[in-house]
Amino acid sequence: MSALPQTFTPESFEAWLNSAFIGNPSEARAYCEATMSPKYHRLQAQGGVTDFEQAVEKVTFFRTHCKKWVAPVEMLVQEGKNVAVRLTCNLQIGDTEEKKMELMFMAERDEQGRFEKVWELVMPIEGEKWTWMLGISYGLDIEFEFCTFMWMDIPVAL
């Protein structure tokens, strides 16, 4: 994958994320080098931290074992280097049962436009009912200067 666009559209973000799950596993490092800063730092709301080398391992794993990945972007907000995205995805890894999940993604990009600071919340969707609350207080401002808004301020109704 070449460099990321300066301004994302829902389609260009979807293409970037799809490439983390679908593609040649031997090209995972090149994908990460093109789209993620060497200082890449991902915080997951439920716990967990991923650095650049771990991201390469995860992309390699997903590209090797992902049998299904469908993830249309439902909301995208961008202000300068800061991006916030909401999507739902259908995912199947290996022989596991297919899962439907919601992903909330916020990121700050470095000077080259690569993702550097990332925060994610991934929650399962049971049936068609959302299983998370908009008022979750995971400290959305963790390492993100731009995260002064609350998700409640963004209309996310279907």
C-alpha atoms as a PDB file:
ATOM      1  CA  MET A   1       0.000   0.000   0.000  1.00  0.00           C
ATOM      2  CA  SER A   2       1.272   3.439  -0.864  1.00  0.00           C
ATOM      3  CA  ALA A   3       1.124   6.479   1.377  1.00  0.00           C
ATOM      4  CA  LEU A   4      -2.188   7.406   2.954  1.00  0.00           C
ATOM      5  CA  PRO A   5      -4.257  10.259   1.543  1.00  0.00           C
ATOM      6  CA  GLN A   6      -3.973  13.605   3.306  1.00  0.00           C
ATOM      7  CA  THR A   7      -7.752  13.723   3.706  1.00  0.00           C
ATOM      8  CA  PHE A   8      -9.676  10.507   4.201  1.00  0.00           C
ATOM      9  CA  THR A   9     -12.995   9.640   2.657  1.00  0.00           C
ATOM     10  CA  PRO A  10     -15.011   6.745   4.076  1.00  0.00           C
ATOM     11  CA  GLU A  11     -13.856   4.705   1.065  1.00  0.00           C
ATOM     12  CA  SER A  12     -10.145   5.477   1.483  1.00  0.00           C
ATOM     13  CA  PHE A  13     -10.228   4.710   5.216  1.00  0.00           C
ATOM     14  CA  GLU A  14     -12.076   1.461   4.502  1.00  0.00           C
ATOM     15  CA  ALA A  15      -9.427   0.530   1.913  1.00  0.00           C
ATOM     16  CA  TRP A  16      -6.640   1.173   4.439  1.00  0.00           C
ATOM     17  CA  LEU A  17      -8.309  -0.908   7.157  1.00  0.00           C
ATOM     18  CA  ASN A  18      -9.265  -3.689   4.740  1.00  0.00           C
ATOM     19  CA  SER A  19      -5.585  -4.010   3.825  1.00  0.00           C
ATOM     20  CA  ALA A  20      -4.757  -4.877   7.427  1.00  0.00           C
ATOM     21  CA  PHE A  21      -6.935  -7.990   7.125  1.00  0.00           C
ATOM     22  CA  ILE A  22      -6.776  -8.876   3.435  1.00  0.00           C
ATOM     23  CA  GLY A  23      -3.538  -9.177   1.528  1.00  0.00           C
ATOM     24  CA  ASN A  24      -0.298 -11.066   1.233  1.00  0.00           C
ATOM     25  CA  PRO A  25       1.075 -11.846   4.728  1.00  0.00           C
ATOM     26  CA  SER A  26       4.646 -11.440   3.445  1.00  0.00           C
ATOM     27  CA  GLU A  27       3.848  -7.791   2.639  1.00  0.00           C
ATOM     28  CA  ALA A  28       2.538  -6.943   6.139  1.00  0.00           C
ATOM     29  CA  ARG A  29       5.697  -5.066   7.180  1.00  0.00           C
ATOM     30  CA  ALA A  30       5.682  -2.945   4.010  1.00  0.00           C
ATOM     31  CA  TYR A  31       2.010  -2.098   4.627  1.00  0.00           C
ATOM     32  CA  CYS A  32       2.760  -1.074   8.221  1.00  0.00           C
ATOM     33  CA  GLU A  33       5.846   0.946   7.248  1.00  0.00           C
ATOM     34  CA  ALA A  34       3.830   2.841   4.625  1.00  0.00           C
ATOM     35  CA  THR A  35       0.838   3.610   6.852  1.00  0.00           C
ATOM     36  CA  MET A  36       2.019   3.528  10.485  1.00  0.00           C
ATOM     37  CA  SER A  37       4.655   5.596  12.232  1.00  0.00           C
ATOM     38  CA  PRO A  38       7.650   3.776  13.758  1.00  0.00           C
ATOM     39  CA  LYS A  39       6.327   5.386  16.987  1.00  0.00           C
ATOM     40  CA  TYR A  40       2.916   3.730  16.444  1.00  0.00           C
ATOM     41  CA  HIS A  41       1.103   3.351  19.760  1.00  0.00           C
ATOM     42  CA  ARG A  42      -2.400   1.852  19.901  1.00  0.00           C
ATOM     43  CA  LEU A  43      -4.467   1.823  23.073  1.00  0.00           C
ATOM     44  CA  GLN A  44      -7.489  -0.439  23.241  1.00  0.00           C
ATOM     45  CA  ALA A  45     -10.272   0.714  25.558  1.00  0.00           C
ATOM     46  CA  GLN A  46     -10.709  -2.732  27.118  1.00  0.00           C
ATOM     47  CA  GLY A  47      -6.999  -2.880  27.850  1.00  0.00           C
ATOM     48  CA  GLY A  48      -4.039  -3.644  25.700  1.00  0.00           C
ATOM     49  CA  VAL A  49      -1.334  -1.691  23.960  1.00  0.00           C
ATOM     50  CA  THR A  50       0.172  -2.324  20.530  1.00  0.00           C
ATOM     51  CA  ASP A  51       3.466  -0.877  19.306  1.00  0.00           C
ATOM     52  CA  PHE A  52       4.782  -0.911  15.736  1.00  0.00           C
ATOM     53  CA  GLU A  53       6.401  -4.376  15.855  1.00  0.00           C
ATOM     54  CA  GLN A  54       3.285  -5.875  17.423  1.00  0.00           C
ATOM     55  CA  ALA A  55       1.200  -4.217  14.700  1.00  0.00           C
ATOM     56  CA  VAL A  56       3.325  -5.954  12.045  1.00  0.00           C
ATOM     57  CA  GLU A  57       2.720  -9.282  13.830  1.00  0.00           C
ATOM     58  CA  LYS A  58      -1.042  -8.646  14.022  1.00  0.00           C
ATOM     59  CA  VAL A  59      -1.346  -7.642  10.362  1.00  0.00           C
ATOM     60  CA  THR A  60       0.627 -10.755   9.376  1.00  0.00           C
ATOM     61  CA  PHE A  61      -1.664 -12.921  11.534  1.00  0.00           C
ATOM     62  CA  PHE A  62      -4.861 -11.348  10.173  1.00  0.00           C
ATOM     63  CA  ARG A  63      -3.708 -11.598   6.561  1.00  0.00           C
ATOM     64  CA  THR A  64      -2.838 -15.258   7.151  1.00  0.00           C
ATOM     65  CA  HIS A  65      -5.978 -16.363   9.011  1.00  0.00           C
ATOM     66  CA  CYS A  66      -8.808 -13.966   8.146  1.00  0.00           C
ATOM     67  CA  LYS A  67     -11.561 -15.773   6.226  1.00  0.00           C
ATOM     68  CA  LYS A  68     -14.087 -12.929   6.232  1.00  0.00           C
ATOM     69  CA  TRP A  69     -13.752  -9.184   6.693  1.00  0.00           C
ATOM     70  CA  VAL A  70     -16.532  -6.781   5.738  1.00  0.00           C
ATOM     71  CA  ALA A  71     -16.327  -3.366   7.397  1.00  0.00           C
ATOM     72  CA  PRO A  72     -18.155  -0.430   5.820  1.00  0.00           C
ATOM     73  CA  VAL A  73     -17.401   2.963   7.383  1.00  0.00           C
ATOM     74  CA  GLU A  74     -20.523   4.514   8.892  1.00  0.00           C
ATOM     75  CA  MET A  75     -19.050   7.746  10.229  1.00  0.00           C
ATOM     76  CA  LEU A  76     -15.781   9.545   9.559  1.00  0.00           C
ATOM     77  CA  VAL A  77     -14.656  12.869  11.013  1.00  0.00           C
ATOM     78  CA  GLN A  78     -11.292  14.404  10.213  1.00  0.00           C
ATOM     79  CA  GLU A  79      -9.716  17.614  11.412  1.00  0.00           C
ATOM     80  CA  GLY A  80      -6.173  18.082  10.202  1.00  0.00           C
ATOM     81  CA  LYS A  81      -4.054  15.153  11.401  1.00  0.00           C
ATOM     82  CA  ASN A  82      -6.841  13.785  13.621  1.00  0.00           C
ATOM     83  CA  VAL A  83      -9.286  11.134  12.459  1.00  0.00           C
ATOM     84  CA  ALA A  84     -12.314   9.539  14.156  1.00  0.00           C
ATOM     85  CA  VAL A  85     -14.208   6.648  12.577  1.00  0.00           C
ATOM     86  CA  ARG A  86     -17.132   4.424  13.478  1.00  0.00           C
ATOM     87  CA  LEU A  87     -17.841   1.215  11.614  1.00  0.00           C
ATOM     88  CA  THR A  88     -19.396  -2.181  12.035  1.00  0.00           C
ATOM     89  CA  CYS A  89     -17.667  -5.273  10.771  1.00  0.00           C
ATOM     90  CA  ASN A  90     -18.263  -8.928  10.143  1.00  0.00           C
ATOM     91  CA  LEU A  91     -15.123 -10.901  10.926  1.00  0.00           C
ATOM     92  CA  GLN A  92     -14.136 -14.553  10.837  1.00  0.00           C
ATOM     93  CA  ILE A  93     -10.670 -15.700  11.830  1.00  0.00           C
ATOM     94  CA  GLY A  94      -9.719 -19.297  11.055  1.00  0.00           C
ATOM     95  CA  ASP A  95     -12.404 -21.782  12.021  1.00  0.00           C
ATOM     96  CA  THR A  96     -13.987 -19.526  14.643  1.00  0.00           C
ATOM     97  CA  GLU A  97     -17.584 -18.403  14.448  1.00  0.00           C
ATOM     98  CA  GLU A  98     -18.235 -15.236  12.466  1.00  0.00           C
ATOM     99  CA  LYS A  99     -18.526 -12.182  14.710  1.00  0.00           C
ATOM    100  CA  LYS A 100     -20.287  -8.863  14.199  1.00  0.00           C
ATOM    101  CA  MET A 101     -18.605  -5.993  15.983  1.00  0.00           C
ATOM    102  CA  GLU A 102     -18.587  -2.248  16.227  1.00  0.00           C
ATOM    103  CA  LEU A 103     -15.296  -0.379  16.038  1.00  0.00           C
ATOM    104  CA  MET A 104     -14.730   3.167  17.268  1.00  0.00           C
ATOM    105  CA  PHE A 105     -11.327   4.402  16.065  1.00  0.00           C
ATOM    106  CA  MET A 106      -9.563   7.669  16.848  1.00  0.00           C
ATOM    107  CA  ALA A 107      -6.081   8.498  15.671  1.00  0.00           C
ATOM    108  CA  GLU A 108      -3.490  11.199  15.334  1.00  0.00           C
ATOM    109  CA  ARG A 109      -1.214  11.091  12.300  1.00  0.00           C
ATOM    110  CA  ASP A 110       2.473  11.995  12.145  1.00  0.00           C
ATOM    111  CA  GLU A 111       4.016  14.611   9.825  1.00  0.00           C
ATOM    112  CA  GLN A 112       4.210  12.038   6.997  1.00  0.00           C
ATOM    113  CA  GLY A 113       0.501  11.248   7.386  1.00  0.00           C
ATOM    114  CA  ARG A 114       1.027   7.818   8.968  1.00  0.00           C
ATOM    115  CA  PHE A 115      -0.997   6.715  11.969  1.00  0.00           C
ATOM    116  CA  GLU A 116       0.929   7.304  15.195  1.00  0.00           C
ATOM    117  CA  LYS A 117      -1.380   7.521  18.214  1.00  0.00           C
ATOM    118  CA  VAL A 118      -4.461   5.318  18.009  1.00  0.00           C
ATOM    119  CA  TRP A 119      -7.328   4.615  20.405  1.00  0.00           C
ATOM    120  CA  GLU A 120      -9.892   1.874  19.703  1.00  0.00           C
ATOM    121  CA  LEU A 121     -13.039   0.530  21.245  1.00  0.00           C
ATOM    122  CA  VAL A 122     -14.232  -2.789  19.799  1.00  0.00           C
ATOM    123  CA  MET A 123     -17.489  -4.225  21.075  1.00  0.00           C
ATOM    124  CA  PRO A 124     -19.568  -7.191  19.940  1.00  0.00           C
ATOM    125  CA  ILE A 125     -23.012  -6.558  18.543  1.00  0.00           C
ATOM    126  CA  GLU A 126     -25.649  -8.991  19.767  1.00  0.00           C
ATOM    127  CA  GLY A 127     -28.326  -9.330  17.131  1.00  0.00           C
ATOM    128  CA  GLU A 128     -28.847  -5.788  15.945  1.00  0.00           C
ATOM    129  CA  LYS A 129     -28.711  -4.255  19.416  1.00  0.00           C
ATOM    130  CA  TRP A 130     -25.662  -2.179  20.342  1.00  0.00           C
ATOM    131  CA  THR A 131     -24.000  -3.527  23.452  1.00  0.00           C
ATOM    132  CA  TRP A 132     -22.078  -0.399  24.473  1.00  0.00           C
ATOM    133  CA  MET A 133     -23.130   2.844  26.067  1.00  0.00           C
ATOM    134  CA  LEU A 134     -22.257   6.223  24.565  1.00  0.00           C
ATOM    135  CA  GLY A 135     -21.257   7.545  27.971  1.00  0.00           C
ATOM    136  CA  ILE A 136     -18.324   5.175  28.402  1.00  0.00           C
ATOM    137  CA  SER A 137     -15.635   7.122  30.206  1.00  0.00           C
ATOM    138  CA  TYR A 138     -12.372   5.579  29.105  1.00  0.00           C
ATOM    139  CA  GLY A 139     -10.644   8.962  29.126  1.00  0.00           C
ATOM    140  CA  LEU A 140     -10.927   9.783  25.447  1.00  0.00           C
ATOM    141  CA  ASP A 141      -8.276  12.456  25.855  1.00  0.00           C
ATOM    142  CA  ILE A 142      -5.522   9.907  26.584  1.00  0.00           C
ATOM    143  CA  GLU A 143      -2.534  11.166  24.578  1.00  0.00           C
ATOM    144  CA  PHE A 144      -4.856  12.878  22.096  1.00  0.00           C
ATOM    145  CA  GLU A 145      -4.972  16.641  22.178  1.00  0.00           C
ATOM    146  CA  PHE A 146      -7.887  16.701  19.723  1.00  0.00           C
ATOM    147  CA  CYS A 147     -10.187  14.434  21.761  1.00  0.00           C
ATOM    148  CA  THR A 148     -11.973  17.165  23.628  1.00  0.00           C
ATOM    149  CA  PHE A 149     -15.378  16.054  22.382  1.00  0.00           C
ATOM    150  CA  MET A 150     -17.477  13.225  23.713  1.00  0.00           C
ATOM    151  CA  TRP A 151     -18.881  10.598  21.387  1.00  0.00           C
ATOM    152  CA  MET A 152     -22.294  11.645  22.669  1.00  0.00           C
ATOM    153  CA  ASP A 153     -21.932  14.912  20.741  1.00  0.00           C
ATOM    154  CA  ILE A 154     -21.672  13.065  17.424  1.00  0.00           C
ATOM    155  CA  PRO A 155     -24.916  11.687  16.009  1.00  0.00           C
ATOM    156  CA  VAL A 156     -24.422   7.933  15.663  1.00  0.00           C
ATOM    157  CA  ALA A 157     -28.040   6.768  15.404  1.00  0.00           C
ATOM    158  CA  LEU A 158     -28.720   4.279  12.631  1.00  0.00           C
END
